[in-house]
């Protein structure tokens, strides 16, 4: 499920799946979120600020 709009995504997970810094794309709201997942509990990761290269 998308953490923003709560619609279904195309990612299938199992009970023993662990994800860290996973980039999740929602086809409905067109957002990308970095998430952590453990035992079906999703938490959002903070997005790093974009830095310009000089």
Protein backbone atom coordinates (compact mmCIF):
# COMPACT_ATOMS: atom_id res chain seq x y z
CA UNK A 1 0.00 0.00 0.00
CA UNK A 2 1.15 3.53 -0.78
CA UNK A 3 1.94 5.50 2.40
CA UNK A 4 0.56 8.70 0.82
CA UNK A 5 -2.72 7.75 -0.85
CA UNK A 6 -3.17 4.19 0.55
CA UNK A 7 -3.82 2.65 -2.85
CA UNK A 8 -2.40 -0.66 -4.01
CA UNK A 9 1.07 -0.81 -5.51
CA UNK A 10 2.65 -3.49 -7.68
CA UNK A 11 5.01 -4.77 -4.99
CA UNK A 12 4.32 -8.13 -3.43
CA UNK A 13 5.79 -8.87 -0.02
CA UNK A 14 5.82 -11.85 2.28
CA UNK A 15 5.60 -12.02 6.04
CA UNK A 16 9.37 -12.45 6.43
CA UNK A 17 10.34 -9.65 3.99
CA UNK A 18 12.65 -6.89 5.25
CA UNK A 19 13.29 -3.77 3.14
CA UNK A 20 15.60 -0.86 3.91
CA UNK A 21 15.62 2.35 1.85
CA UNK A 22 13.34 0.83 -0.79
CA UNK A 23 12.12 3.23 -3.48
CA UNK A 24 8.38 2.62 -3.78
CA UNK A 25 6.50 4.07 -6.78
CA UNK A 26 2.72 4.52 -6.67
CA UNK A 27 1.01 4.36 -10.10
CA UNK A 28 -2.05 6.22 -8.82
CA UNK A 29 -0.54 9.32 -7.20
CA UNK A 30 2.73 9.14 -9.22
CA UNK A 31 4.88 9.63 -6.11
CA UNK A 32 8.11 7.97 -5.14
CA UNK A 33 8.75 7.28 -1.46
CA UNK A 34 11.72 5.80 0.33
CA UNK A 35 10.36 3.26 2.79
CA UNK A 36 11.55 0.73 5.34
CA UNK A 37 9.47 -2.38 5.88
CA UNK A 38 9.65 -5.07 8.53
CA UNK A 39 6.90 -7.56 9.43
CA UNK A 40 4.30 -5.69 7.33
CA UNK A 41 5.02 -2.41 9.17
CA UNK A 42 5.97 0.41 6.79
CA UNK A 43 7.88 3.49 7.90
CA UNK A 44 8.94 6.37 5.66
CA UNK A 45 12.61 7.18 5.33
CA UNK A 46 13.70 10.77 5.18
CA UNK A 47 14.63 11.87 1.70
CA UNK A 48 18.11 13.35 1.45
CA UNK A 49 18.28 16.94 0.27
CA UNK A 50 19.50 17.40 -3.26
CA UNK A 51 22.94 18.98 -3.38
CA UNK A 52 24.38 20.77 -6.36
CA UNK A 53 27.73 19.66 -7.69
CA UNK A 54 30.38 22.32 -8.08
